[in-house]
Amino acid sequence: MEEQNVNKQVKQSLINEFKDFLKEYKVIGLAVGFIMGGAATELVKAVVGYLIMPIITPFIPGGEWVKATFTLGPIVIGWGALLNAFINFIILAWVVFLIAKFVLREEKVTKK
């Protein structure tokens, strides 16, 4: 009987430690942020792919902007894919900046 109480206390202690770990390191918030980041990335890719790139496409011969390459001897540089990744990054960084600036706005601490 006493051994069962000790096992129960050990299990309860581990559960409490785990809860403390989740709270101290804000694991739940991190998980939510990670999921939201993935969703935001997909949204930005859609905006770039379906809104911005169709505007840019007429300026690239053939309209295959993602497959656009530059050949330098045996080296083939996929500048279209690079441009796509760069635009995605810039837009995503801008969205994160706006969220940080307006949604997560904290009152500034003034020095006295």
N, C-alpha and C. Protein backbone atom coordinates (compact mmCIF):
# COMPACT_ATOMS: atom_id res chain seq x y z
N MET A 1 0.82 -1.19 0.00
CA MET A 1 0.00 0.00 0.00
C MET A 1 0.87 1.25 0.00
N GLU A 2 1.91 1.24 0.83
CA GLU A 2 2.80 2.39 0.91
C GLU A 2 3.55 2.57 -0.40
N GLU A 3 3.90 1.48 -1.07
CA GLU A 3 4.60 1.54 -2.37
C GLU A 3 3.71 2.19 -3.43
N GLN A 4 2.42 1.91 -3.39
CA GLN A 4 1.49 2.53 -4.33
C GLN A 4 1.41 4.04 -4.11
N ASN A 5 1.41 4.46 -2.86
CA ASN A 5 1.39 5.89 -2.55
C ASN A 5 2.64 6.59 -3.05
N VAL A 6 3.80 5.91 -2.90
CA VAL A 6 5.05 6.48 -3.38
C VAL A 6 5.02 6.60 -4.89
N ASN A 7 4.55 5.55 -5.60
CA ASN A 7 4.44 5.60 -7.06
C ASN A 7 3.50 6.71 -7.51
N LYS A 8 2.40 6.87 -6.80
CA LYS A 8 1.44 7.91 -7.13
C LYS A 8 2.05 9.30 -6.93
N GLN A 9 2.82 9.46 -5.85
CA GLN A 9 3.47 10.74 -5.59
C GLN A 9 4.52 11.06 -6.64
N VAL A 10 5.26 10.02 -7.08
CA VAL A 10 6.28 10.21 -8.11
C VAL A 10 5.61 10.63 -9.42
N LYS A 11 4.53 9.96 -9.79
CA LYS A 11 3.81 10.31 -11.01
C LYS A 11 3.25 11.73 -10.93
N GLN A 12 2.68 12.07 -9.79
CA GLN A 12 2.12 13.40 -9.60
C GLN A 12 3.23 14.45 -9.67
N SER A 13 4.38 14.13 -9.10
CA SER A 13 5.51 15.05 -9.14
C SER A 13 5.98 15.28 -10.57
N LEU A 14 6.06 14.21 -11.36
CA LEU A 14 6.45 14.34 -12.77
C LEU A 14 5.44 15.17 -13.55
N ILE A 15 4.18 14.95 -13.29
CA ILE A 15 3.14 15.72 -13.97
C ILE A 15 3.25 17.20 -13.60
N ASN A 16 3.47 17.48 -12.33
CA ASN A 16 3.62 18.87 -11.90
C ASN A 16 4.86 19.51 -12.51
N GLU A 17 5.96 18.76 -12.58
CA GLU A 17 7.17 19.28 -13.21
C GLU A 17 6.93 19.57 -14.69
N PHE A 18 6.19 18.68 -15.34
CA PHE A 18 5.89 18.89 -16.76
C PHE A 18 5.04 20.14 -16.95
N LYS A 19 4.03 20.32 -16.12
CA LYS A 19 3.20 21.52 -16.19
C LYS A 19 4.04 22.78 -15.96
N ASP A 20 4.94 22.72 -14.97
CA ASP A 20 5.82 23.85 -14.71
C ASP A 20 6.71 24.15 -15.91
N PHE A 21 7.21 23.10 -16.54
CA PHE A 21 8.03 23.25 -17.73
C PHE A 21 7.25 23.95 -18.84
N LEU A 22 6.02 23.50 -19.08
CA LEU A 22 5.17 24.12 -20.12
C LEU A 22 4.93 25.59 -19.83
N LYS A 23 4.70 25.92 -18.56
CA LYS A 23 4.44 27.31 -18.20
C LYS A 23 5.70 28.16 -18.27
N GLU A 24 6.80 27.63 -17.72
CA GLU A 24 8.03 28.42 -17.64
C GLU A 24 8.59 28.76 -19.01
N TYR A 25 8.57 27.79 -19.91
CA TYR A 25 9.14 28.01 -21.24
C TYR A 25 8.10 28.40 -22.29
N LYS A 26 6.86 28.59 -21.84
CA LYS A 26 5.76 29.03 -22.71
C LYS A 26 5.66 28.17 -23.97
N VAL A 27 5.66 26.87 -23.76
CA VAL A 27 5.66 25.92 -24.86
C VAL A 27 4.36 25.98 -25.65
N ILE A 28 3.25 26.16 -24.98
CA ILE A 28 1.96 26.21 -25.67
C ILE A 28 1.92 27.42 -26.60
N GLY A 29 2.37 28.58 -26.10
CA GLY A 29 2.41 29.78 -26.95
C GLY A 29 3.34 29.60 -28.13
N LEU A 30 4.46 28.93 -27.90
CA LEU A 30 5.39 28.66 -28.99
C LEU A 30 4.76 27.76 -30.04
N ALA A 31 4.03 26.74 -29.60
CA ALA A 31 3.37 25.84 -30.54
C ALA A 31 2.31 26.59 -31.36
N VAL A 32 1.54 27.43 -30.70
CA VAL A 32 0.53 28.21 -31.41
C VAL A 32 1.21 29.14 -32.41
N GLY A 33 2.29 29.79 -31.99
CA GLY A 33 3.03 30.67 -32.90
C GLY A 33 3.59 29.93 -34.09
N PHE A 34 4.09 28.73 -33.87
CA PHE A 34 4.63 27.92 -34.95
C PHE A 34 3.54 27.57 -35.97
N ILE A 35 2.39 27.17 -35.48
CA ILE A 35 1.26 26.82 -36.36
C ILE A 35 0.79 28.06 -37.12
N MET A 36 0.67 29.18 -36.43
CA MET A 36 0.24 30.42 -37.09
C MET A 36 1.29 30.88 -38.12
N GLY A 37 2.56 30.67 -37.81
CA GLY A 37 3.62 31.02 -38.75
C GLY A 37 3.52 30.22 -40.04
N GLY A 38 3.21 28.94 -39.91
CA GLY A 38 3.01 28.10 -41.10
C GLY A 38 1.83 28.56 -41.92
N ALA A 39 0.74 28.91 -41.25
CA ALA A 39 -0.44 29.40 -41.95
C ALA A 39 -0.15 30.74 -42.63
N ALA A 40 0.58 31.61 -41.94
CA ALA A 40 0.92 32.91 -42.53
C ALA A 40 1.82 32.73 -43.74
N THR A 41 2.73 31.77 -43.67
CA THR A 41 3.62 31.51 -44.80
C THR A 41 2.82 31.07 -46.02
N GLU A 42 1.86 30.19 -45.82
CA GLU A 42 1.01 29.74 -46.93
C GLU A 42 0.21 30.90 -47.51
N LEU A 43 -0.29 31.77 -46.65
CA LEU A 43 -1.04 32.93 -47.12
C LEU A 43 -0.15 33.85 -47.94
N VAL A 44 1.05 34.11 -47.47
CA VAL A 44 1.97 34.98 -48.20
C VAL A 44 2.34 34.35 -49.55
N LYS A 45 2.57 33.05 -49.57
CA LYS A 45 2.88 32.38 -50.84
C LYS A 45 1.72 32.54 -51.82
N ALA A 46 0.50 32.43 -51.32
CA ALA A 46 -0.66 32.60 -52.19
C ALA A 46 -0.75 34.04 -52.71
N VAL A 47 -0.52 35.02 -51.84
CA VAL A 47 -0.56 36.42 -52.27
C VAL A 47 0.50 36.67 -53.34
N VAL A 48 1.70 36.17 -53.11
CA VAL A 48 2.77 36.37 -54.08
C VAL A 48 2.46 35.63 -55.38
N GLY A 49 2.05 34.36 -55.26
CA GLY A 49 1.82 33.55 -56.45
C GLY A 49 0.62 33.97 -57.28
N TYR A 50 -0.44 34.42 -56.63
CA TYR A 50 -1.67 34.71 -57.35
C TYR A 50 -1.98 36.19 -57.52
N LEU A 51 -1.25 37.06 -56.83
CA LEU A 51 -1.54 38.48 -56.94
C LEU A 51 -0.34 39.27 -57.46
N ILE A 52 0.80 39.10 -56.84
CA ILE A 52 1.97 39.91 -57.22
C ILE A 52 2.64 39.39 -58.48
N MET A 53 2.88 38.10 -58.55
CA MET A 53 3.59 37.57 -59.70
C MET A 53 2.83 37.70 -61.02
N PRO A 54 1.50 37.60 -61.04
CA PRO A 54 0.82 37.86 -62.31
C PRO A 54 1.04 39.28 -62.83
N ILE A 55 1.31 40.21 -61.93
CA ILE A 55 1.61 41.58 -62.35
C ILE A 55 3.02 41.64 -62.94
N ILE A 56 3.96 40.89 -62.34
CA ILE A 56 5.34 40.87 -62.80
C ILE A 56 5.52 40.03 -64.06
N THR A 57 4.70 39.00 -64.24
CA THR A 57 4.86 38.04 -65.32
C THR A 57 4.95 38.66 -66.71
N PRO A 58 4.16 39.67 -67.07
CA PRO A 58 4.29 40.22 -68.42
C PRO A 58 5.67 40.80 -68.74
N PHE A 59 6.42 41.15 -67.73
CA PHE A 59 7.75 41.72 -67.95
C PHE A 59 8.82 40.66 -68.17
N ILE A 60 8.46 39.40 -67.94
CA ILE A 60 9.41 38.30 -68.14
C ILE A 60 8.97 37.53 -69.38
N PRO A 61 9.84 37.43 -70.39
CA PRO A 61 9.47 36.75 -71.64
C PRO A 61 8.99 35.32 -71.39
N GLY A 62 7.89 34.98 -72.00
CA GLY A 62 7.34 33.63 -71.88
C GLY A 62 6.45 33.45 -70.67
N GLY A 63 6.49 34.34 -69.73
CA GLY A 63 5.62 34.26 -68.57
C GLY A 63 5.99 33.19 -67.56
N GLU A 64 7.07 32.49 -67.75
CA GLU A 64 7.49 31.45 -66.82
C GLU A 64 8.51 32.01 -65.83
N TRP A 65 8.09 32.96 -65.02
CA TRP A 65 9.01 33.68 -64.15
C TRP A 65 9.71 32.79 -63.14
N VAL A 66 9.05 31.76 -62.63
CA VAL A 66 9.68 30.89 -61.63
C VAL A 66 10.78 30.04 -62.27
N LYS A 67 10.62 29.72 -63.53
CA LYS A 67 11.60 28.88 -64.21
C LYS A 67 12.68 29.71 -64.92
N ALA A 68 12.63 31.01 -64.78
CA ALA A 68 13.60 31.88 -65.45
C ALA A 68 15.01 31.58 -64.93
N THR A 69 15.93 31.39 -65.86
CA THR A 69 17.30 31.06 -65.49
C THR A 69 18.29 31.94 -66.25
N PHE A 70 19.49 31.95 -65.74
CA PHE A 70 20.60 32.64 -66.39
C PHE A 70 21.72 31.61 -66.49
N THR A 71 22.21 31.37 -67.70
CA THR A 71 23.25 30.38 -67.92
C THR A 71 24.59 31.06 -68.12
N LEU A 72 25.56 30.61 -67.37
CA LEU A 72 26.92 31.13 -67.45
C LEU A 72 27.84 29.92 -67.61
N GLY A 73 28.06 29.54 -68.88
CA GLY A 73 28.84 28.33 -69.15
C GLY A 73 28.06 27.12 -68.64
N PRO A 74 28.71 26.28 -67.82
CA PRO A 74 28.02 25.09 -67.30
C PRO A 74 27.14 25.40 -66.08
N ILE A 75 27.16 26.63 -65.63
CA ILE A 75 26.40 27.01 -64.43
C ILE A 75 25.06 27.59 -64.84
N VAL A 76 23.98 27.05 -64.24
CA VAL A 76 22.63 27.56 -64.49
C VAL A 76 22.10 28.14 -63.18
N ILE A 77 21.81 29.43 -63.21
CA ILE A 77 21.31 30.12 -62.02
C ILE A 77 19.81 30.35 -62.19
N GLY A 78 19.03 29.79 -61.27
CA GLY A 78 17.57 29.94 -61.32
C GLY A 78 17.14 31.22 -60.64
N TRP A 79 17.26 32.33 -61.33
CA TRP A 79 16.95 33.61 -60.72
C TRP A 79 15.46 33.82 -60.52
N GLY A 80 14.63 33.15 -61.28
CA GLY A 80 13.18 33.27 -61.10
C GLY A 80 12.74 32.69 -59.77
N ALA A 81 13.26 31.51 -59.44
CA ALA A 81 12.93 30.89 -58.16
C ALA A 81 13.51 31.72 -57.01
N LEU A 82 14.69 32.27 -57.22
CA LEU A 82 15.30 33.12 -56.21
C LEU A 82 14.46 34.39 -56.00
N LEU A 83 14.01 34.99 -57.08
CA LEU A 83 13.16 36.18 -56.98
C LEU A 83 11.87 35.85 -56.22
N ASN A 84 11.28 34.71 -56.52
CA ASN A 84 10.06 34.27 -55.85
C ASN A 84 10.30 34.12 -54.35
N ALA A 85 11.38 33.45 -53.97
CA ALA A 85 11.70 33.26 -52.55
C ALA A 85 11.97 34.59 -51.87
N PHE A 86 12.65 35.50 -52.56
CA PHE A 86 12.96 36.81 -52.00
C PHE A 86 11.69 37.61 -51.75
N ILE A 87 10.79 37.62 -52.71
CA ILE A 87 9.53 38.36 -52.56
C ILE A 87 8.70 37.76 -51.43
N ASN A 88 8.65 36.42 -51.35
CA ASN A 88 7.94 35.77 -50.25
C ASN A 88 8.52 36.20 -48.91
N PHE A 89 9.84 36.21 -48.81
CA PHE A 89 10.50 36.58 -47.56
C PHE A 89 10.18 38.03 -47.19
N ILE A 90 10.29 38.93 -48.13
CA ILE A 90 10.06 40.35 -47.85
C ILE A 90 8.62 40.57 -47.37
N ILE A 91 7.68 39.95 -48.03
CA ILE A 91 6.27 40.13 -47.63
C ILE A 91 6.03 39.52 -46.26
N LEU A 92 6.56 38.33 -46.01
CA LEU A 92 6.39 37.69 -44.72
C LEU A 92 7.04 38.52 -43.61
N ALA A 93 8.22 39.04 -43.87
CA ALA A 93 8.89 39.89 -42.89
C ALA A 93 8.07 41.15 -42.62
N TRP A 94 7.47 41.72 -43.66
CA TRP A 94 6.64 42.91 -43.49
C TRP A 94 5.40 42.59 -42.64
N VAL A 95 4.77 41.45 -42.89
CA VAL A 95 3.59 41.05 -42.11
C VAL A 95 3.97 40.86 -40.65
N VAL A 96 5.08 40.19 -40.40
CA VAL A 96 5.54 39.99 -39.02
C VAL A 96 5.83 41.33 -38.36
N PHE A 97 6.45 42.24 -39.09
CA PHE A 97 6.73 43.58 -38.57
C PHE A 97 5.43 44.30 -38.19
N LEU A 98 4.44 44.24 -39.08
CA LEU A 98 3.16 44.90 -38.79
C LEU A 98 2.47 44.29 -37.58
N ILE A 99 2.52 42.97 -37.48
CA ILE A 99 1.92 42.30 -36.32
C ILE A 99 2.62 42.75 -35.05
N ALA A 100 3.94 42.75 -35.09
CA ALA A 100 4.70 43.16 -33.90
C ALA A 100 4.43 44.61 -33.55
N LYS A 101 4.31 45.45 -34.55
CA LYS A 101 4.14 46.89 -34.30
C LYS A 101 2.74 47.24 -33.79
N PHE A 102 1.73 46.67 -34.40
CA PHE A 102 0.36 47.10 -34.08
C PHE A 102 -0.40 46.14 -33.18
N VAL A 103 -0.22 44.87 -33.36
CA VAL A 103 -1.00 43.90 -32.57
C VAL A 103 -0.33 43.63 -31.23
N LEU A 104 0.98 43.48 -31.24
CA LEU A 104 1.69 43.15 -30.01
C LEU A 104 2.27 44.39 -29.35
N ARG A 105 1.71 45.52 -29.64
CA ARG A 105 2.22 46.78 -29.13
C ARG A 105 2.20 46.78 -27.60
N GLU A 106 3.33 47.05 -27.03
CA GLU A 106 3.44 47.19 -25.58
C GLU A 106 3.76 48.64 -25.28
N GLU A 107 3.34 49.08 -24.15
CA GLU A 107 3.63 50.46 -23.78
C GLU A 107 5.12 50.61 -23.56
N LYS A 108 5.67 51.66 -24.11
CA LYS A 108 7.09 51.92 -23.95
C LYS A 108 7.36 52.40 -22.53
N VAL A 109 8.46 51.92 -22.01
CA VAL A 109 8.86 52.34 -20.68
C VAL A 109 9.71 53.58 -20.84
N THR A 110 9.35 54.61 -20.12
CA THR A 110 10.13 55.85 -20.20
C THR A 110 11.09 55.92 -19.03
N LYS A 111 12.27 56.41 -19.31
CA LYS A 111 13.27 56.56 -18.25
C LYS A 111 13.00 57.85 -17.51
N LYS A 112 13.16 57.80 -16.22
CA LYS A 112 12.94 58.99 -15.40
C LYS A 112 14.21 59.44 -14.76
